Each structure stands twice: as structure tokens, then as C-alpha cells.
């Protein structure tokens, strides 16, 4: 294992994080946030090198791109993480047994978290802030598309850590190679938890290959159901925001499900998306009311549903009932985020009770599925699994616990 020395250094350094107080962690996080703004030209120059290698028509281009405003947002999120209560040392259960043994369950770091992600340079800073605040060291494995950006960001973090006398080995960036991914996934005894953040292909590979524990995140096939009792003005705004705010993120809308009684409202619902040249793949019933009105219209195929587009593309499925909409989501959703637009509370409650997803919305866009939007400071990913964390993963979700037991010499019979 060529990277064994790197993994050993990170594991060793992770122990030193326990010696830092929460106040020290917060001070360092704020210093890194300040450094992001002070060194924005340096970061943007590195990002420009990555962008130069990617076509602007690539849907990942927006995800890869850093701007001054995005760096300001990243820094603000990091400062916000610093203001949050520490997730460590919380007593989550406490009891005294009949034999006098005192049991206490407290929250502690996992230790070393491995993060695999694609063309997302913002993730480097987000993961560092959450891991550092929660007392975890991190091993980062970014994609080759963002390698220049990631290396500049980690170099900046290392500079601040060394300034404060903290081992830079608490954050390591691996080479952007498939071989490095394989070594991370097999780093048993060094990496305590691995989190992949990317498309379905990456997540499936990690889950099928890893020998270290994995939490699945990211893949989002997102549906929004416009019910027969949906408000047109509200639905128009929700659908447009969910689809066009940022198409390359996992909470972006992929399929609009519409009740057949509202097909006359379909063009007004979709009209503003033409400004962003969103291609609509409509089934036969939905095609007719859009034909001749919506300029980027195509016929849907079976592949149109259950697809995470990450692009200016959206499918439309017509249904005759709530039950049919729920069935479509059951078959095509990914357990990430789903939404209903309706003024009927009974319908909404049935939808929320039935839909099996991490985040289920009523009269709000799925674009809100985000750790910062949920008041968590930032996120390390959106978990779509049920064992362990589910939904936006932030500080509490990257901690585990241990039992502390105190006695006076009791022995077991």
C-alpha cells in the first residue's frame, strides 16, 4: 500500500485533536475563513487552471467553478461552523445499574474520515471545517477535474494549522488517481469512516469495493408532484427554483409529476424555465399542452425517469391520482429529496407519510436540502441510507459514542 505512510501520519495526528479545546478549534476555523478571503486571488487562479481543462457546456462546470461570492459564502459557512456548539462530550445516556455500576454514554469523534468527491472544490473547505470542529482528522480524495483547486486549498489550510502549532497531518489530500481511491477504500485500521460524494457510478463503486465502513451520500433523483389542489403561482416558483437554481447539485429537480386535471396549467408552470433553455422530456399527455408553446420539448422515454440529469433537463410524468404519483416515486426516486405542491393538508400528510426519502417537502422546493440551509453550518454530504445518519450530515452526524463505566470493585457472577 503506497499511501500507508500517509494514512499512518493522519491516524497518529488524529489523536492530537483531542488535546485542543473547542475555543482553539474555533479560533483556527476563523483564521482559515479569513485566509480564504485574503488569498482569494490565489485560490481563483488555481481554480481557473481546472476550469481551463473543462468545457463550459459540461454540466459539472458550474459545480467546479469558484467565484469571489462563492468563496465569501464558503468562508461564511466556516465561520458559522465555528459558532456552533461542540458536538463532543455530550452525555446521551446515563444510568446506574442495580449492582452500583455507573454507565455514561458520551459523543466522541470517529477518528479519521475519508472523503471521496468529484469536481467540487468547495467540499474541501466544508469537510475540513466539519471534521476539525468535531475532532476528526480527514483524508481527502478529490477528482482530477478539481485537483489544482483542491491542492491550493489544502496548502492554505496547512499554513494556518502550522501557524497555530497543529499538525498539518490532520488534513491530507491524496493524489487524484483511481489507485489512490482503491488504497483509501482498503485502509483498514487507518480510516474509520468513508463518505463518497458524487454521482451514482462513484457511490456504487465505493459501496461495492470498500473494506472500510461507508455512508452513502449524494445521488439525487428528485421528483416534485404538482397535485390537483396545487396553487399555480406557488408551484411555478417552486418548480423553477428546484430545477434552475443550480442544476449540477444533488437536490435539483429531475422530474415533475403532474395530476392530469392540471395539464392546462402545465405551460404556465414550466414557462420560465425556457429562459434557461431547460429541455423537457414529456410523456404523451404532457406533450400536447406544451407543443407549440414550450420551445425545448422532446418526447420522454423510459430512460427519462429515474435519471439524475445534473443539467438543464427535466422529465414530466402525468398521473391520475396521488397513489400513482407515489408509485412513480417509489420506482424512480433515490431516497434523497421529494416534494409535493398542494393546498390539501390531508393529501400532503399522506404524501409525507408514504414517501421513503431523507427529506420530504410540502409547498417548498427541494433546493433547501442543504446543511447550511438546515442551520447545521455546512454539510459533509446528504445521506440517502437508513442505517446511521440520514439527510444532511453535519457535526453530530460525524460523531459516534463510547460508554464510560465506573465502579467500586464489582465483579460479575
Protein backbone atom coordinates (compact mmCIF):
# COMPACT_ATOMS: atom_id res chain seq x y z
CA UNK A 1 0.00 0.00 0.00
CA UNK A 2 1.90 3.03 -1.30
CA UNK A 3 -0.09 5.53 0.76
CA UNK A 4 0.30 3.64 4.03
CA UNK A 5 2.72 6.23 5.42
CA UNK A 6 0.21 9.00 4.71
CA UNK A 7 -2.57 7.07 6.42
CA UNK A 8 -0.33 6.35 9.43
CA UNK A 9 0.51 10.06 9.80
CA UNK A 10 -3.14 11.08 9.68
CA UNK A 11 -4.14 8.39 12.19
CA UNK A 12 -1.40 9.50 14.56
CA UNK A 13 -2.29 13.17 14.14
CA UNK A 14 -5.97 12.48 14.80
CA UNK A 15 -5.10 11.65 18.41
CA UNK A 16 -3.66 15.15 18.91
CA UNK A 17 -7.00 16.79 18.09
CA UNK A 18 -8.35 15.60 21.44
CA UNK A 19 -5.88 17.97 23.12
CA UNK A 20 -7.44 21.05 21.51
CA UNK A 21 -10.21 22.93 23.26
CA UNK A 22 -13.33 23.97 21.38
CA UNK A 23 -12.17 27.58 21.68
CA UNK A 24 -8.88 26.70 19.95
CA UNK A 25 -10.71 24.87 17.17
CA UNK A 26 -12.99 27.86 16.64
CA UNK A 27 -10.08 30.27 16.51
CA UNK A 28 -8.36 28.18 13.84
CA UNK A 29 -11.54 27.84 11.79
CA UNK A 30 -12.00 31.61 11.82
CA UNK A 31 -8.37 32.05 10.81
CA UNK A 32 -8.85 29.72 7.84
CA UNK A 33 -12.02 31.62 6.87
CA UNK A 34 -10.07 34.89 6.95
CA UNK A 35 -7.30 33.30 4.88
CA UNK A 36 -9.82 32.21 2.22
CA UNK A 37 -10.84 35.83 1.67
CA UNK A 38 -7.29 37.21 1.95
CA UNK A 39 -5.97 34.63 -0.53
CA UNK A 40 -8.96 34.59 -2.89
CA UNK A 41 -6.85 35.56 -5.92
CA UNK A 42 -4.52 32.64 -5.28
CA UNK A 43 -7.45 30.20 -4.97
CA UNK A 44 -9.26 31.56 -8.03
CA UNK A 45 -6.09 31.30 -10.12
CA UNK A 46 -5.79 27.62 -9.22
CA UNK A 47 -9.47 27.14 -9.97
CA UNK A 48 -9.01 28.83 -13.35
CA UNK A 49 -6.43 26.16 -14.23
CA UNK A 50 -9.03 23.48 -13.56
CA UNK A 51 -11.76 25.31 -15.44
CA UNK A 52 -9.49 25.71 -18.48
CA UNK A 53 -9.48 21.92 -18.87
CA UNK A 54 -13.29 21.60 -18.88
CA UNK A 55 -15.83 22.65 -21.49
CA UNK A 56 -18.28 25.32 -20.39
CA UNK A 57 -21.01 23.07 -21.78
CA UNK A 58 -20.17 20.36 -19.29
CA UNK A 59 -22.89 20.33 -16.59
CA UNK A 60 -20.12 19.90 -13.98
CA UNK A 61 -18.57 23.25 -14.97
CA UNK A 62 -20.83 25.17 -12.60
CA UNK A 63 -20.05 22.75 -9.77
CA UNK A 64 -16.32 23.16 -10.40
CA UNK A 65 -16.33 26.93 -10.65
CA UNK A 66 -15.32 29.12 -7.72
CA UNK A 67 -16.06 32.85 -7.69
CA UNK A 68 -15.43 35.64 -5.21
CA UNK A 69 -19.01 35.41 -3.98
CA UNK A 70 -18.80 31.63 -3.61
CA UNK A 71 -15.56 31.93 -1.64
CA UNK A 72 -17.23 34.51 0.59
CA UNK A 73 -20.06 32.02 1.12
CA UNK A 74 -17.61 29.22 1.93
CA UNK A 75 -15.82 31.45 4.44
CA UNK A 76 -19.14 32.49 5.98
CA UNK A 77 -20.16 28.83 6.35
CA UNK A 78 -16.84 28.08 8.06
CA UNK A 79 -17.33 30.96 10.49
CA UNK A 80 -20.84 29.68 11.13
CA UNK A 81 -19.48 26.22 11.97
CA UNK A 82 -17.16 27.89 14.49
CA UNK A 83 -20.16 29.43 16.27
CA UNK A 84 -21.98 26.12 16.67
CA UNK A 85 -21.90 24.20 19.96
CA UNK A 86 -19.32 21.44 20.07
CA UNK A 87 -20.79 18.03 19.27
CA UNK A 88 -18.24 16.33 21.54
CA UNK A 89 -18.64 15.20 25.12
CA UNK A 90 -22.44 15.22 25.12
CA UNK A 91 -23.95 12.77 27.59
CA UNK A 92 -26.56 10.91 25.54
CA UNK A 93 -27.48 8.29 28.13
CA UNK A 94 -26.75 7.85 31.83
CA UNK A 95 -27.85 5.25 34.35
CA UNK A 96 -26.82 3.34 37.47
CA UNK A 97 -27.27 -0.41 37.46
CA UNK A 98 -28.65 -2.33 40.46
CA UNK A 99 -25.12 -3.53 41.20
CA UNK A 100 -23.92 0.08 41.54
CA UNK A 101 -22.07 0.38 38.22
CA UNK A 102 -22.46 3.86 36.76
CA UNK A 103 -22.87 3.97 32.96
CA UNK A 104 -22.46 7.07 30.84
CA UNK A 105 -22.63 7.28 27.03
CA UNK A 106 -20.83 10.28 25.51
CA UNK A 107 -20.31 11.57 21.98
CA UNK A 108 -16.79 11.27 20.55
CA UNK A 109 -15.15 11.68 17.10
CA UNK A 110 -14.98 8.80 14.63
CA UNK A 111 -11.24 9.48 14.36
CA UNK A 112 -10.28 9.62 10.67
CA UNK A 113 -12.87 10.33 8.00
CA UNK A 114 -12.10 9.61 4.35
CA UNK A 115 -13.92 11.74 1.80
CA UNK A 116 -14.15 10.90 -1.90
CA UNK A 117 -15.63 13.60 -4.12
CA UNK A 118 -15.60 14.79 -7.71
CA UNK A 119 -15.50 18.26 -9.27
CA UNK A 120 -16.46 20.09 -6.07
CA UNK A 121 -13.65 22.27 -4.68
CA UNK A 122 -15.99 23.78 -2.08
CA UNK A 123 -16.20 20.35 -0.44
CA UNK A 124 -12.53 20.58 0.58
CA UNK A 125 -13.21 23.51 2.89
CA UNK A 126 -16.61 22.21 4.06
CA UNK A 127 -15.22 18.81 5.04
CA UNK A 128 -12.25 20.34 6.82
CA UNK A 129 -14.43 22.70 8.86
CA UNK A 130 -16.85 19.98 9.98
CA UNK A 131 -14.16 17.39 10.67
CA UNK A 132 -11.92 19.80 12.55
CA UNK A 133 -14.78 21.16 14.67
CA UNK A 134 -15.84 17.61 15.57
CA UNK A 135 -12.31 16.45 16.41
CA UNK A 136 -11.89 14.26 13.33
CA UNK A 137 -8.87 14.14 11.05
CA UNK A 138 -9.68 13.80 7.35
CA UNK A 139 -8.22 12.16 4.26
CA UNK A 140 -9.47 13.85 1.11
CA UNK A 141 -9.62 12.24 -2.32
CA UNK A 142 -10.80 14.80 -4.86
CA UNK A 143 -11.36 14.30 -8.56
CA UNK A 144 -8.77 15.19 -11.18
CA UNK A 145 -11.06 17.92 -12.55
CA UNK A 146 -10.59 19.97 -9.37
CA UNK A 147 -7.07 18.91 -8.41
CA UNK A 148 -5.39 22.33 -8.76
CA UNK A 149 -8.13 23.97 -6.68
CA UNK A 150 -8.04 21.27 -4.01
CA UNK A 151 -4.25 21.39 -3.66
CA UNK A 152 -4.23 25.16 -3.24
CA UNK A 153 -6.99 24.96 -0.65
CA UNK A 154 -5.27 22.23 1.38
CA UNK A 155 -1.96 24.14 1.18
CA UNK A 156 -3.76 27.15 2.66
CA UNK A 157 -5.28 25.06 5.45
CA UNK A 158 -1.85 23.57 6.23
CA UNK A 159 -0.33 27.04 6.51
CA UNK A 160 -2.89 28.09 9.12
CA UNK A 161 -2.58 24.83 11.07
CA UNK A 162 1.20 25.16 11.26
CA UNK A 163 0.85 28.79 12.34
CA UNK A 164 -1.20 27.61 15.32
CA UNK A 165 1.10 24.70 16.12
CA UNK A 166 -1.29 21.99 14.95
CA UNK A 167 -0.01 19.06 12.89
CA UNK A 168 -0.86 19.57 9.23
CA UNK A 169 -1.32 15.80 9.04
CA UNK A 170 -4.86 16.19 10.43
CA UNK A 171 -5.77 17.00 6.80
CA UNK A 172 -4.30 15.02 3.89
CA UNK A 173 -5.10 15.26 0.19
CA UNK A 174 -4.42 12.11 -1.81
CA UNK A 175 -3.36 12.03 -5.46
CA UNK A 176 -6.28 12.39 -7.90
CA UNK A 177 -5.90 8.83 -9.21
CA UNK A 178 -8.05 5.71 -9.25
CA UNK A 179 -5.25 3.87 -7.45
CA UNK A 180 -5.47 6.30 -4.53
CA UNK A 181 -9.20 5.68 -4.30
CA UNK A 182 -8.57 1.96 -4.11
CA UNK A 183 -6.00 2.37 -1.34
CA UNK A 184 -8.32 4.58 0.69
CA UNK A 185 -11.15 2.07 0.43
CA UNK A 186 -8.83 -0.65 1.74
CA UNK A 187 -7.17 1.38 4.51
CA UNK A 188 -8.49 -0.84 7.28
CA UNK A 189 -7.21 0.28 10.67
CA UNK A 190 -6.48 3.80 9.42
CA UNK A 191 -9.75 5.20 8.08
CA UNK A 192 -12.71 4.85 10.42
CA UNK A 193 -15.42 6.01 8.02
CA UNK A 194 -15.51 6.71 4.29
CA UNK A 195 -18.05 9.04 2.68
CA UNK A 196 -18.39 9.21 -1.12
CA UNK A 197 -19.98 12.35 -2.52
CA UNK A 198 -20.81 12.28 -6.19
CA UNK A 199 -22.86 10.53 -8.85
CA UNK A 200 -24.38 7.07 -8.74
CA UNK A 201 -21.41 5.49 -10.53
CA UNK A 202 -18.95 6.71 -7.88
CA UNK A 203 -21.19 5.76 -4.97
CA UNK A 204 -21.85 2.27 -6.35
CA UNK A 205 -18.12 1.71 -6.87
CA UNK A 206 -17.29 2.78 -3.32
CA UNK A 207 -20.04 0.66 -1.77
CA UNK A 208 -19.06 -2.42 -3.80
CA UNK A 209 -15.30 -2.04 -3.27
CA UNK A 210 -14.73 -0.67 0.24
CA UNK A 211 -13.40 -2.71 3.13
CA UNK A 212 -13.79 0.27 5.46
CA UNK A 213 -17.22 1.44 6.73
CA UNK A 214 -19.12 3.60 4.20
CA UNK A 215 -22.03 6.03 4.40
CA UNK A 216 -23.71 6.56 1.02
CA UNK A 217 -24.47 10.14 0.04
CA UNK A 218 -25.24 12.33 -2.90
CA UNK A 219 -27.11 10.57 -5.68
CA UNK A 220 -30.35 12.50 -6.02
CA UNK A 221 -33.11 11.54 -8.42
CA UNK A 222 -35.55 14.23 -7.28
CA UNK A 223 -39.29 14.45 -8.04
CA UNK A 224 -41.89 17.13 -7.35
CA UNK A 225 -45.60 16.27 -7.53
CA UNK A 226 -47.98 19.08 -8.53
CA UNK A 227 -51.27 17.91 -7.09
CA UNK A 228 -54.80 18.58 -8.35
CA UNK A 229 -55.10 21.05 -5.44
CA UNK A 230 -51.77 22.75 -6.08
CA UNK A 231 -51.52 26.56 -6.22
CA UNK A 232 -50.35 27.63 -9.69
CA UNK A 233 -48.34 30.68 -8.65
CA UNK A 234 -46.66 28.80 -5.82
CA UNK A 235 -45.97 25.76 -7.96
CA UNK A 236 -44.45 27.83 -10.75
CA UNK A 237 -41.94 29.41 -8.34
CA UNK A 238 -41.14 26.15 -6.54
CA UNK A 239 -40.59 24.12 -9.71
CA UNK A 240 -38.46 26.79 -11.35
CA UNK A 241 -36.29 27.22 -8.25
CA UNK A 242 -35.85 23.49 -7.75
CA UNK A 243 -34.83 22.96 -11.37
CA UNK A 244 -32.82 26.03 -12.36
CA UNK A 245 -31.20 27.44 -9.22
CA UNK A 246 -28.19 25.15 -9.68
CA UNK A 247 -28.68 22.20 -12.00
CA UNK A 248 -25.46 20.38 -11.07
CA UNK A 249 -26.29 19.78 -7.41
CA UNK A 250 -27.94 16.67 -5.96
CA UNK A 251 -31.07 18.47 -4.73
CA UNK A 252 -32.00 19.76 -8.21
CA UNK A 253 -35.35 18.67 -9.66
CA UNK A 254 -35.27 15.87 -12.23
CA UNK A 255 -38.92 15.01 -12.75
CA UNK A 256 -42.15 16.99 -12.45
CA UNK A 257 -45.13 14.75 -11.71
CA UNK A 258 -48.44 16.44 -12.53
CA UNK A 259 -52.05 15.46 -11.91
CA UNK A 260 -53.92 15.02 -15.17
CA UNK A 261 -56.59 17.51 -14.13
CA UNK A 262 -53.95 20.28 -14.09
CA UNK A 263 -52.46 19.75 -17.55
CA UNK A 264 -53.94 23.06 -18.71
CA UNK A 265 -51.64 24.73 -16.18
CA UNK A 266 -48.55 22.87 -17.36
CA UNK A 267 -47.24 25.56 -19.69
CA UNK A 268 -47.57 28.36 -17.08
CA UNK A 269 -45.80 26.06 -14.59
CA UNK A 270 -42.86 25.49 -16.96
CA UNK A 271 -42.80 28.73 -18.94
CA UNK A 272 -39.99 30.50 -17.07
CA UNK A 273 -37.65 27.52 -17.48
CA UNK A 274 -37.42 28.30 -21.19
CA UNK A 275 -35.31 31.33 -20.20
CA UNK A 276 -32.64 28.85 -19.06
CA UNK A 277 -33.16 26.59 -22.12
CA UNK A 278 -34.31 23.67 -19.98
CA UNK A 279 -35.07 20.66 -22.17
CA UNK A 280 -38.32 18.98 -21.16
CA UNK A 281 -38.93 15.28 -21.79
CA UNK A 282 -42.72 14.98 -21.61
CA UNK A 283 -44.92 11.90 -21.70
CA UNK A 284 -47.74 11.77 -24.26
CA UNK A 285 -50.33 13.50 -22.07
CA UNK A 286 -47.96 16.30 -21.05
CA UNK A 287 -46.53 16.74 -24.55
CA UNK A 288 -49.79 18.02 -26.07
CA UNK A 289 -50.35 21.12 -23.88
CA UNK A 290 -46.68 22.12 -24.30
CA UNK A 291 -46.39 21.50 -28.03
CA UNK A 292 -46.03 24.72 -30.00
CA UNK A 293 -45.64 26.76 -26.80
CA UNK A 294 -42.57 25.46 -25.00
CA UNK A 295 -39.52 25.71 -27.29
CA UNK A 296 -37.31 22.94 -25.83
CA UNK A 297 -39.69 20.00 -25.89
CA UNK A 298 -38.95 16.33 -26.55
CA UNK A 299 -40.80 13.06 -26.07
CA UNK A 300 -39.99 11.16 -22.89
CA UNK A 301 -38.60 7.64 -22.98
CA UNK A 302 -38.30 5.08 -20.20
CA UNK A 303 -34.76 6.40 -19.60
CA UNK A 304 -36.15 9.86 -18.87
CA UNK A 305 -37.39 8.69 -15.48
CA UNK A 306 -35.08 7.68 -12.66
CA UNK A 307 -32.27 9.76 -14.20
CA UNK A 308 -30.25 12.32 -12.25
CA UNK A 309 -29.72 14.83 -15.06
CA UNK A 310 -27.38 17.34 -13.34
CA UNK A 311 -28.12 19.50 -16.37
CA UNK A 312 -30.78 21.82 -17.80
CA UNK A 313 -33.09 18.87 -18.43
CA UNK A 314 -36.30 17.69 -16.77
CA UNK A 315 -38.82 14.90 -17.29
CA UNK A 316 -42.60 15.22 -16.87
CA UNK A 317 -44.87 12.36 -15.79
CA UNK A 318 -48.67 12.65 -15.83
CA UNK A 319 -50.65 10.74 -13.19
CA UNK A 320 -54.32 10.23 -12.42
CA UNK A 321 -54.02 10.11 -8.61
CA UNK A 322 -51.82 10.65 -5.58
CA UNK A 323 -51.32 6.88 -5.40
CA UNK A 324 -49.96 6.82 -8.93
CA UNK A 325 -47.57 9.68 -8.10
CA UNK A 326 -46.36 7.81 -5.03
CA UNK A 327 -45.86 4.66 -7.08
CA UNK A 328 -43.75 6.60 -9.61
CA UNK A 329 -41.56 7.98 -6.80
CA UNK A 330 -41.22 4.51 -5.23
CA UNK A 331 -39.94 3.13 -8.53
CA UNK A 332 -37.78 6.04 -9.67
CA UNK A 333 -36.67 8.06 -6.64
CA UNK A 334 -33.31 7.62 -4.92
CA UNK A 335 -34.36 8.37 -1.34
CA UNK A 336 -32.83 11.86 -1.42
CA UNK A 337 -35.47 14.63 -1.62
CA UNK A 338 -39.08 14.62 -2.81
CA UNK A 339 -41.76 17.34 -2.80
CA UNK A 340 -45.49 17.90 -3.17
CA UNK A 341 -47.26 21.14 -4.09
CA UNK A 342 -50.82 21.12 -2.78
CA UNK A 343 -53.22 23.17 -0.68
CA UNK A 344 -54.85 19.98 0.62
CA UNK A 345 -53.33 19.13 4.00
CA UNK A 346 -54.72 15.59 4.04
CA UNK A 347 -53.06 14.88 0.69
CA UNK A 348 -49.80 16.43 1.86
CA UNK A 349 -49.73 14.38 5.05
CA UNK A 350 -50.36 11.17 3.11
CA UNK A 351 -47.51 12.10 0.76
CA UNK A 352 -45.11 12.82 3.62
CA UNK A 353 -46.07 9.62 5.44
CA UNK A 354 -45.66 7.41 2.38
CA UNK A 355 -42.58 8.80 0.64
CA UNK A 356 -39.42 6.99 1.65
CA UNK A 357 -36.78 9.72 1.35
CA UNK A 358 -34.38 11.57 3.63
CA UNK A 359 -36.15 14.90 3.03
CA UNK A 360 -39.84 15.26 2.12
CA UNK A 361 -41.19 18.73 1.30
CA UNK A 362 -44.67 20.24 1.26
CA UNK A 363 -45.02 23.51 -0.68
CA UNK A 364 -41.26 24.19 -0.74
CA UNK A 365 -38.51 23.40 -3.26
CA UNK A 366 -36.03 20.59 -2.79
CA UNK A 367 -33.24 23.14 -3.26
CA UNK A 368 -33.39 23.62 0.52
CA UNK A 369 -31.81 20.19 1.13
CA UNK A 370 -28.52 21.61 2.33
CA UNK A 371 -26.71 21.54 5.65
CA UNK A 372 -26.27 25.32 5.80
CA UNK A 373 -29.94 25.89 4.92
CA UNK A 374 -30.94 23.48 7.69
CA UNK A 375 -28.96 25.55 10.18
CA UNK A 376 -26.22 22.92 10.50
CA UNK A 377 -23.40 25.27 9.44
CA UNK A 378 -22.34 23.19 6.43
CA UNK A 379 -22.62 19.59 5.33
CA UNK A 380 -20.30 16.73 4.58
CA UNK A 381 -22.94 15.18 2.33
CA UNK A 382 -26.59 14.16 2.08
CA UNK A 383 -27.03 10.60 3.32
CA UNK A 384 -29.62 8.57 1.42
CA UNK A 385 -29.27 5.43 3.52
CA UNK A 386 -31.19 4.47 6.64
CA UNK A 387 -28.52 2.86 8.82
CA UNK A 388 -26.96 5.71 10.77
CA UNK A 389 -27.25 9.33 9.59
CA UNK A 390 -29.93 10.31 7.06
CA UNK A 391 -30.26 13.59 5.18
CA UNK A 392 -27.75 16.45 5.58
CA UNK A 393 -24.74 15.23 7.56
CA UNK A 394 -23.07 17.84 9.73
CA UNK A 395 -21.32 17.89 13.11
CA UNK A 396 -23.49 15.48 15.10
CA UNK A 397 -23.65 13.00 12.22
CA UNK A 398 -19.86 12.58 12.03
CA UNK A 399 -19.56 11.71 15.69
CA UNK A 400 -20.02 8.33 17.32
CA UNK A 401 -20.15 7.47 21.02
CA UNK A 402 -18.49 5.42 23.69
CA UNK A 403 -19.58 4.08 27.06
CA UNK A 404 -17.80 5.10 30.27
CA UNK A 405 -18.34 2.68 33.15
CA UNK A 406 -17.38 3.38 36.75
CA UNK A 407 -17.49 1.00 39.66
CA UNK A 408 -16.15 0.22 43.14
CA UNK A 409 -14.74 -3.22 42.55
CA UNK A 410 -17.92 -5.02 41.44
CA UNK A 411 -17.40 -8.38 39.75
CA UNK A 412 -19.78 -10.33 37.54
CA UNK A 413 -21.21 -13.58 38.83
